[in-house]
PDB file of N, CA and C in Angstrom:
ATOM      1  N   UNK A   1       2.285  -4.322 -19.144  1.00  0.00           N
ATOM      2  CA  UNK A   1       1.098  -4.220 -18.322  1.00  0.00           C
ATOM      3  C   UNK A   1       1.334  -3.203 -17.221  1.00  0.00           C
ATOM      4  N   UNK A   2       0.233  -2.670 -16.722  1.00  0.00           N
ATOM      5  CA  UNK A   2       0.294  -1.698 -15.640  1.00  0.00           C
ATOM      6  C   UNK A   2       0.248  -2.450 -14.313  1.00  0.00           C
ATOM      7  N   UNK A   3       1.076  -2.016 -13.368  1.00  0.00           N
ATOM      8  CA  UNK A   3       1.150  -2.639 -12.053  1.00  0.00           C
ATOM      9  C   UNK A   3       0.796  -1.595 -11.000  1.00  0.00           C
ATOM     10  N   UNK A   4      -0.073  -1.987 -10.080  1.00  0.00           N
ATOM     11  CA  UNK A   4      -0.411  -1.141  -8.939  1.00  0.00           C
ATOM     12  C   UNK A   4      -0.100  -1.935  -7.680  1.00  0.00           C
ATOM     13  N   UNK A   5       0.761  -1.385  -6.833  1.00  0.00           N
ATOM     14  CA  UNK A   5       1.114  -2.016  -5.564  1.00  0.00           C
ATOM     15  C   UNK A   5       0.629  -1.101  -4.451  1.00  0.00           C
ATOM     16  N   UNK A   6      -0.239  -1.618  -3.599  1.00  0.00           N
ATOM     17  CA  UNK A   6      -0.715  -0.880  -2.428  1.00  0.00           C
ATOM     18  C   UNK A   6      -0.018  -1.437  -1.200  1.00  0.00           C
ATOM     19  N   UNK A   7       0.640  -0.554  -0.464  1.00  0.00           N
ATOM     20  CA  UNK A   7       1.391  -0.941   0.729  1.00  0.00           C
ATOM     21  C   UNK A   7       0.744  -0.275   1.929  1.00  0.00           C
ATOM     22  N   UNK A   8       0.504  -1.058   2.976  1.00  0.00           N
ATOM     23  CA  UNK A   8      -0.096  -0.504   4.195  1.00  0.00           C
ATOM     24  C   UNK A   8       0.532  -1.161   5.418  1.00  0.00           C
ATOM     25  N   UNK A   9       0.458  -0.451   6.519  1.00  0.00           N
ATOM     26  CA  UNK A   9       0.982  -1.013   7.759  1.00  0.00           C
ATOM     27  C   UNK A   9       0.139  -2.204   8.186  1.00  0.00           C
ATOM     28  N   UNK A  10       0.797  -3.204   8.749  1.00  0.00           N
ATOM     29  CA  UNK A  10       0.074  -4.370   9.247  1.00  0.00           C
ATOM     30  C   UNK A  10      -0.820  -3.959  10.407  1.00  0.00           C
ATOM     31  N   UNK A  11      -1.890  -4.725  10.589  1.00  0.00           N
ATOM     32  CA  UNK A  11      -2.771  -4.488  11.735  1.00  0.00           C
ATOM     33  C   UNK A  11      -1.942  -4.600  13.010  1.00  0.00           C
ATOM     34  N   UNK A  12      -2.183  -3.711  13.932  1.00  0.00           N
ATOM     35  CA  UNK A  12      -1.453  -3.731  15.188  1.00  0.00           C
ATOM     36  C   UNK A  12      -0.218  -2.850  15.209  1.00  0.00           C
ATOM     37  N   UNK A  13       0.236  -2.401  14.038  1.00  0.00           N
ATOM     38  CA  UNK A  13       1.384  -1.498  13.970  1.00  0.00           C
ATOM     39  C   UNK A  13       0.868  -0.076  14.100  1.00  0.00           C
ATOM     40  N   UNK A  14       1.435   0.679  15.039  1.00  0.00           N
ATOM     41  CA  UNK A  14       1.011   2.059  15.280  1.00  0.00           C
ATOM     42  C   UNK A  14       1.218   2.897  14.025  1.00  0.00           C
ATOM     43  N   UNK A  15       0.174   3.567  13.598  1.00  0.00           N
ATOM     44  CA  UNK A  15       0.211   4.421  12.412  1.00  0.00           C
ATOM     45  C   UNK A  15       0.131   5.875  12.859  1.00  0.00           C
ATOM     46  N   UNK A  16       1.272   6.465  13.158  1.00  0.00           N
ATOM     47  CA  UNK A  16       1.287   7.840  13.662  1.00  0.00           C
ATOM     48  C   UNK A  16       0.800   8.826  12.596  1.00  0.00           C
ATOM     49  N   UNK A  17       1.071   8.560  11.350  1.00  0.00           N
ATOM     50  CA  UNK A  17       0.591   9.436  10.284  1.00  0.00           C
ATOM     51  C   UNK A  17      -0.934   9.340  10.178  1.00  0.00           C
ATOM     52  N   UNK A  18      -1.479   8.143  10.307  1.00  0.00           N
ATOM     53  CA  UNK A  18      -2.922   7.965  10.308  1.00  0.00           C
ATOM     54  C   UNK A  18      -3.579   8.692  11.465  1.00  0.00           C
ATOM     55  N   UNK A  19      -2.939   8.645  12.642  1.00  0.00           N
ATOM     56  CA  UNK A  19      -3.472   9.363  13.809  1.00  0.00           C
ATOM     57  C   UNK A  19      -3.469  10.867  13.568  1.00  0.00           C
ATOM     58  N   UNK A  20      -2.416  11.382  12.943  1.00  0.00           N
ATOM     59  CA  UNK A  20      -2.335  12.815  12.654  1.00  0.00           C
ATOM     60  C   UNK A  20      -3.436  13.229  11.667  1.00  0.00           C
ATOM     61  N   UNK A  21      -3.673  12.404  10.651  1.00  0.00           N
ATOM     62  CA  UNK A  21      -4.727  12.703   9.681  1.00  0.00           C
ATOM     63  C   UNK A  21      -6.087  12.653  10.367  1.00  0.00           C
ATOM     64  N   UNK A  22      -6.297  11.659  11.218  1.00  0.00           N
ATOM     65  CA  UNK A  22      -7.560  11.545  11.950  1.00  0.00           C
ATOM     66  C   UNK A  22      -7.803  12.787  12.812  1.00  0.00           C
ATOM     67  N   UNK A  23      -6.774  13.214  13.523  1.00  0.00           N
ATOM     68  CA  UNK A  23      -6.892  14.411  14.362  1.00  0.00           C
ATOM     69  C   UNK A  23      -7.216  15.642  13.507  1.00  0.00           C
ATOM     70  N   UNK A  24      -6.545  15.769  12.358  1.00  0.00           N
ATOM     71  CA  UNK A  24      -6.799  16.915  11.475  1.00  0.00           C
ATOM     72  C   UNK A  24      -8.228  16.888  10.945  1.00  0.00           C
ATOM     73  N   UNK A  25      -8.728  15.713  10.593  1.00  0.00           N
ATOM     74  CA  UNK A  25     -10.102  15.610  10.111  1.00  0.00           C
ATOM     75  C   UNK A  25     -11.099  15.994  11.201  1.00  0.00           C
ATOM     76  N   UNK A  26     -10.835  15.553  12.415  1.00  0.00           N
ATOM     77  CA  UNK A  26     -11.713  15.931  13.536  1.00  0.00           C
ATOM     78  C   UNK A  26     -11.695  17.434  13.760  1.00  0.00           C
ATOM     79  N   UNK A  27     -10.521  18.056  13.625  1.00  0.00           N
ATOM     80  CA  UNK A  27     -10.434  19.501  13.823  1.00  0.00           C
ATOM     81  C   UNK A  27     -11.191  20.255  12.734  1.00  0.00           C
ATOM     82  N   UNK A  28     -11.423  19.608  11.608  1.00  0.00           N
ATOM     83  CA  UNK A  28     -12.219  20.191  10.526  1.00  0.00           C
ATOM     84  C   UNK A  28     -13.687  19.784  10.645  1.00  0.00           C
ATOM     85  N   UNK A  29     -14.034  19.215  11.785  1.00  0.00           N
ATOM     86  CA  UNK A  29     -15.405  18.820  12.127  1.00  0.00           C
ATOM     87  C   UNK A  29     -15.922  17.632  11.333  1.00  0.00           C
ATOM     88  N   UNK A  30     -15.009  16.760  10.885  1.00  0.00           N
ATOM     89  CA  UNK A  30     -15.404  15.476  10.299  1.00  0.00           C
ATOM     90  C   UNK A  30     -15.333  14.442  11.415  1.00  0.00           C
ATOM     91  N   UNK A  31     -16.355  14.441  12.253  1.00  0.00           N
ATOM     92  CA  UNK A  31     -16.330  13.610  13.450  1.00  0.00           C
ATOM     93  C   UNK A  31     -16.827  12.188  13.215  1.00  0.00           C
ATOM     94  N   UNK A  32     -17.223  11.868  11.999  1.00  0.00           N
ATOM     95  CA  UNK A  32     -17.718  10.529  11.702  1.00  0.00           C
ATOM     96  C   UNK A  32     -16.638   9.621  11.105  1.00  0.00           C
ATOM     97  N   UNK A  33     -15.374   9.996  11.217  1.00  0.00           N
ATOM     98  CA  UNK A  33     -14.256   9.237  10.669  1.00  0.00           C
ATOM     99  C   UNK A  33     -13.557   8.492  11.797  1.00  0.00           C
ATOM    100  N   UNK A  34     -13.188   7.239  11.540  1.00  0.00           N
ATOM    101  CA  UNK A  34     -12.448   6.474  12.554  1.00  0.00           C
ATOM    102  C   UNK A  34     -11.455   5.538  11.872  1.00  0.00           C
ATOM    103  N   UNK A  35     -10.525   5.047  12.647  1.00  0.00           N
ATOM    104  CA  UNK A  35      -9.533   4.055  12.192  1.00  0.00           C
ATOM    105  C   UNK A  35      -8.805   4.481  10.910  1.00  0.00           C
ATOM    106  N   UNK A  36      -8.263   5.669  10.911  1.00  0.00           N
ATOM    107  CA  UNK A  36      -7.553   6.179   9.739  1.00  0.00           C
ATOM    108  C   UNK A  36      -6.180   5.510   9.656  1.00  0.00           C
ATOM    109  N   UNK A  37      -5.878   4.957   8.499  1.00  0.00           N
ATOM    110  CA  UNK A  37      -4.578   4.349   8.231  1.00  0.00           C
ATOM    111  C   UNK A  37      -4.049   4.976   6.944  1.00  0.00           C
ATOM    112  N   UNK A  38      -2.780   5.284   6.909  1.00  0.00           N
ATOM    113  CA  UNK A  38      -2.159   5.894   5.743  1.00  0.00           C
ATOM    114  C   UNK A  38      -1.186   4.881   5.143  1.00  0.00           C
ATOM    115  N   UNK A  39      -1.260   4.711   3.841  1.00  0.00           N
ATOM    116  CA  UNK A  39      -0.364   3.793   3.144  1.00  0.00           C
ATOM    117  C   UNK A  39       0.265   4.491   1.956  1.00  0.00           C
ATOM    118  N   UNK A  40       0.766   3.678   1.047  1.00  0.00           N
ATOM    119  CA  UNK A  40       1.353   4.248  -0.164  1.00  0.00           C
ATOM    120  C   UNK A  40       0.942   3.381  -1.349  1.00  0.00           C
ATOM    121  N   UNK A  41       0.915   3.991  -2.511  1.00  0.00           N
ATOM    122  CA  UNK A  41       0.582   3.289  -3.742  1.00  0.00           C
ATOM    123  C   UNK A  41       1.700   3.533  -4.736  1.00  0.00           C
ATOM    124  N   UNK A  42       2.182   2.453  -5.330  1.00  0.00           N
ATOM    125  CA  UNK A  42       3.260   2.518  -6.306  1.00  0.00           C
ATOM    126  C   UNK A  42       2.692   2.005  -7.628  1.00  0.00           C
ATOM    127  N   UNK A  43       2.784   2.817  -8.675  1.00  0.00           N
ATOM    128  CA  UNK A  43       2.224   2.473  -9.981  1.00  0.00           C
ATOM    129  C   UNK A  43       3.352   2.526 -11.006  1.00  0.00           C
ATOM    130  N   UNK A  44       3.455   1.469 -11.798  1.00  0.00           N
ATOM    131  CA  UNK A  44       4.473   1.461 -12.849  1.00  0.00           C
ATOM    132  C   UNK A  44       4.054   0.518 -13.977  1.00  0.00           C
ATOM    133  N   UNK A  45       4.735   0.635 -15.114  1.00  0.00           N
ATOM    134  CA  UNK A  45       4.516  -0.264 -16.240  1.00  0.00           C
ATOM    135  C   UNK A  45       5.583  -1.345 -16.215  1.00  0.00           C
ATOM    136  N   UNK A  46       5.177  -2.551 -16.542  1.00  0.00           N
ATOM    137  CA  UNK A  46       6.092  -3.688 -16.569  1.00  0.00           C
ATOM    138  C   UNK A  46       6.004  -4.312 -17.958  1.00  0.00           C
ATOM    139  N   UNK A  47       7.134  -4.441 -18.615  1.00  0.00           N
ATOM    140  CA  UNK A  47       7.186  -5.022 -19.951  1.00  0.00           C
ATOM    141  C   UNK A  47       7.248  -6.547 -19.819  1.00  0.00           C
ATOM    142  N   UNK A  48       6.091  -7.139 -19.570  1.00  0.00           N
ATOM    143  CA  UNK A  48       5.980  -8.592 -19.383  1.00  0.00           C
ATOM    144  C   UNK A  48       4.581  -9.015 -19.798  1.00  0.00           C
ATOM    145  N   UNK A  49       4.480 -10.026 -20.657  1.00  0.00           N
ATOM    146  CA  UNK A  49       3.160 -10.467 -21.110  1.00  0.00           C
ATOM    147  C   UNK A  49       2.640 -11.667 -20.326  1.00  0.00           C
ATOM    148  N   UNK A  50       3.536 -12.410 -19.692  1.00  0.00           N
ATOM    149  CA  UNK A  50       3.146 -13.584 -18.905  1.00  0.00           C
ATOM    150  C   UNK A  50       2.713 -13.129 -17.507  1.00  0.00           C
ATOM    151  N   UNK A  51       1.427 -13.299 -17.213  1.00  0.00           N
ATOM    152  CA  UNK A  51       0.884 -12.809 -15.943  1.00  0.00           C
ATOM    153  C   UNK A  51       1.529 -13.482 -14.727  1.00  0.00           C
ATOM    154  N   UNK A  52       1.787 -14.789 -14.819  1.00  0.00           N
ATOM    155  CA  UNK A  52       2.429 -15.500 -13.703  1.00  0.00           C
ATOM    156  C   UNK A  52       3.834 -14.960 -13.441  1.00  0.00           C
ATOM    157  N   UNK A  53       4.585 -14.746 -14.512  1.00  0.00           N
ATOM    158  CA  UNK A  53       5.946 -14.207 -14.384  1.00  0.00           C
ATOM    159  C   UNK A  53       5.897 -12.792 -13.828  1.00  0.00           C
ATOM    160  N   UNK A  54       4.958 -11.995 -14.316  1.00  0.00           N
ATOM    161  CA  UNK A  54       4.822 -10.622 -13.825  1.00  0.00           C
ATOM    162  C   UNK A  54       4.520 -10.622 -12.332  1.00  0.00           C
ATOM    163  N   UNK A  55       3.591 -11.479 -11.900  1.00  0.00           N
ATOM    164  CA  UNK A  55       3.242 -11.532 -10.481  1.00  0.00           C
ATOM    165  C   UNK A  55       4.451 -11.968  -9.650  1.00  0.00           C
ATOM    166  N   UNK A  56       5.198 -12.937 -10.144  1.00  0.00           N
ATOM    167  CA  UNK A  56       6.399 -13.388  -9.424  1.00  0.00           C
ATOM    168  C   UNK A  56       7.434 -12.264  -9.340  1.00  0.00           C
ATOM    169  N   UNK A  57       7.636 -11.550 -10.437  1.00  0.00           N
ATOM    170  CA  UNK A  57       8.612 -10.453 -10.451  1.00  0.00           C
ATOM    171  C   UNK A  57       8.201  -9.336  -9.490  1.00  0.00           C
ATOM    172  N   UNK A  58       6.937  -8.937  -9.535  1.00  0.00           N
ATOM    173  CA  UNK A  58       6.475  -7.839  -8.682  1.00  0.00           C
ATOM    174  C   UNK A  58       6.484  -8.266  -7.215  1.00  0.00           C
ATOM    175  N   UNK A  59       6.149  -9.513  -6.938  1.00  0.00           N
ATOM    176  CA  UNK A  59       6.226 -10.017  -5.563  1.00  0.00           C
ATOM    177  C   UNK A  59       7.655  -9.910  -5.055  1.00  0.00           C
ATOM    178  N   UNK A  60       8.613 -10.283  -5.878  1.00  0.00           N
ATOM    179  CA  UNK A  60      10.027 -10.161  -5.474  1.00  0.00           C
ATOM    180  C   UNK A  60      10.408  -8.700  -5.266  1.00  0.00           C
ATOM    181  N   UNK A  61       9.914  -7.808  -6.130  1.00  0.00           N
ATOM    182  CA  UNK A  61      10.176  -6.377  -5.943  1.00  0.00           C
ATOM    183  C   UNK A  61       9.652  -5.905  -4.590  1.00  0.00           C
ATOM    184  N   UNK A  62       8.444  -6.350  -4.246  1.00  0.00           N
ATOM    185  CA  UNK A  62       7.839  -5.951  -2.970  1.00  0.00           C
ATOM    186  C   UNK A  62       8.644  -6.487  -1.799  1.00  0.00           C
ATOM    187  N   UNK A  63       9.017  -7.750  -1.881  1.00  0.00           N
ATOM    188  CA  UNK A  63       9.759  -8.386  -0.790  1.00  0.00           C
ATOM    189  C   UNK A  63      11.149  -7.776  -0.608  1.00  0.00           C
ATOM    190  N   UNK A  64      11.779  -7.380  -1.720  1.00  0.00           N
ATOM    191  CA  UNK A  64      13.151  -6.875  -1.671  1.00  0.00           C
ATOM    192  C   UNK A  64      13.266  -5.366  -1.471  1.00  0.00           C
ATOM    193  N   UNK A  65      12.241  -4.598  -1.911  1.00  0.00           N
ATOM    194  CA  UNK A  65      12.406  -3.145  -1.903  1.00  0.00           C
ATOM    195  C   UNK A  65      11.151  -2.355  -1.567  1.00  0.00           C
ATOM    196  N   UNK A  66      10.050  -2.658  -2.198  1.00  0.00           N
ATOM    197  CA  UNK A  66       8.887  -1.769  -2.137  1.00  0.00           C
ATOM    198  C   UNK A  66       8.159  -1.777  -0.802  1.00  0.00           C
ATOM    199  N   UNK A  67       8.233  -2.872  -0.058  1.00  0.00           N
ATOM    200  CA  UNK A  67       7.543  -2.955   1.232  1.00  0.00           C
ATOM    201  C   UNK A  67       8.507  -3.465   2.302  1.00  0.00           C
ATOM    202  N   UNK A  68       8.341  -2.956   3.494  1.00  0.00           N
ATOM    203  CA  UNK A  68       9.061  -3.488   4.651  1.00  0.00           C
ATOM    204  C   UNK A  68       8.170  -4.574   5.241  1.00  0.00           C
ATOM    205  N   UNK A  69       8.404  -5.810   4.850  1.00  0.00           N
ATOM    206  CA  UNK A  69       7.482  -6.890   5.187  1.00  0.00           C
ATOM    207  C   UNK A  69       7.423  -7.228   6.674  1.00  0.00           C
ATOM    208  N   UNK A  70       8.284  -6.647   7.469  1.00  0.00           N
ATOM    209  CA  UNK A  70       8.205  -6.833   8.917  1.00  0.00           C
ATOM    210  C   UNK A  70       6.989  -6.090   9.468  1.00  0.00           C
ATOM    211  N   UNK A  71       6.741  -4.890   8.928  1.00  0.00           N
ATOM    212  CA  UNK A  71       5.650  -4.067   9.462  1.00  0.00           C
ATOM    213  C   UNK A  71       4.587  -3.713   8.423  1.00  0.00           C
ATOM    214  N   UNK A  72       4.800  -4.085   7.153  1.00  0.00           N
ATOM    215  CA  UNK A  72       3.861  -3.693   6.104  1.00  0.00           C
ATOM    216  C   UNK A  72       3.339  -4.903   5.333  1.00  0.00           C
ATOM    217  N   UNK A  73       2.103  -4.775   4.887  1.00  0.00           N
ATOM    218  CA  UNK A  73       1.497  -5.713   3.957  1.00  0.00           C
ATOM    219  C   UNK A  73       1.434  -5.035   2.597  1.00  0.00           C
ATOM    220  N   UNK A  74       1.308  -5.840   1.556  1.00  0.00           N
ATOM    221  CA  UNK A  74       1.165  -5.270   0.224  1.00  0.00           C
ATOM    222  C   UNK A  74       0.160  -6.079  -0.582  1.00  0.00           C
ATOM    223  N   UNK A  75      -0.461  -5.396  -1.538  1.00  0.00           N
ATOM    224  CA  UNK A  75      -1.388  -6.032  -2.469  1.00  0.00           C
ATOM    225  C   UNK A  75      -0.991  -5.607  -3.873  1.00  0.00           C
ATOM    226  N   UNK A  76      -0.988  -6.579  -4.783  1.00  0.00           N
ATOM    227  CA  UNK A  76      -0.555  -6.333  -6.162  1.00  0.00           C
ATOM    228  C   UNK A  76      -1.761  -6.457  -7.095  1.00  0.00           C
ATOM    229  N   UNK A  77      -1.881  -5.472  -7.993  1.00  0.00           N
ATOM    230  CA  UNK A  77      -2.910  -5.529  -9.031  1.00  0.00           C
ATOM    231  C   UNK A  77      -2.220  -5.390 -10.376  1.00  0.00           C
ATOM    232  N   UNK A  78      -2.481  -6.342 -11.270  1.00  0.00           N
ATOM    233  CA  UNK A  78      -1.942  -6.297 -12.630  1.00  0.00           C
ATOM    234  C   UNK A  78      -3.076  -5.942 -13.580  1.00  0.00           C
ATOM    235  N   UNK A  79      -2.819  -4.982 -14.477  1.00  0.00           N
ATOM    236  CA  UNK A  79      -3.830  -4.556 -15.456  1.00  0.00           C
ATOM    237  C   UNK A  79      -3.201  -4.677 -16.839  1.00  0.00           C
ATOM    238  N   UNK A  80      -3.831  -5.485 -17.679  1.00  0.00           N
ATOM    239  CA  UNK A  80      -3.305  -5.668 -19.039  1.00  0.00           C
ATOM    240  C   UNK A  80      -3.664  -4.511 -19.925  1.00  0.00           C
TER     241      UNK A  80
END
């Protein structure tokens, strides 16, 4: 199955990259943009047919490596 993990900074954590993107958009005269946050998306295939097991495995991957859970949140999407 295909796995998509979206990682983003937790609310309240300063997003300096998001601020830089927001400033760049304003300099290009996109003045209707606000609250820009930058995250990352990790996409991979997982050789697992049991959805519960896949979710448990990917959650462990996120907790151990893919996300810094002190400052980041993550969302997992499984696609068969």
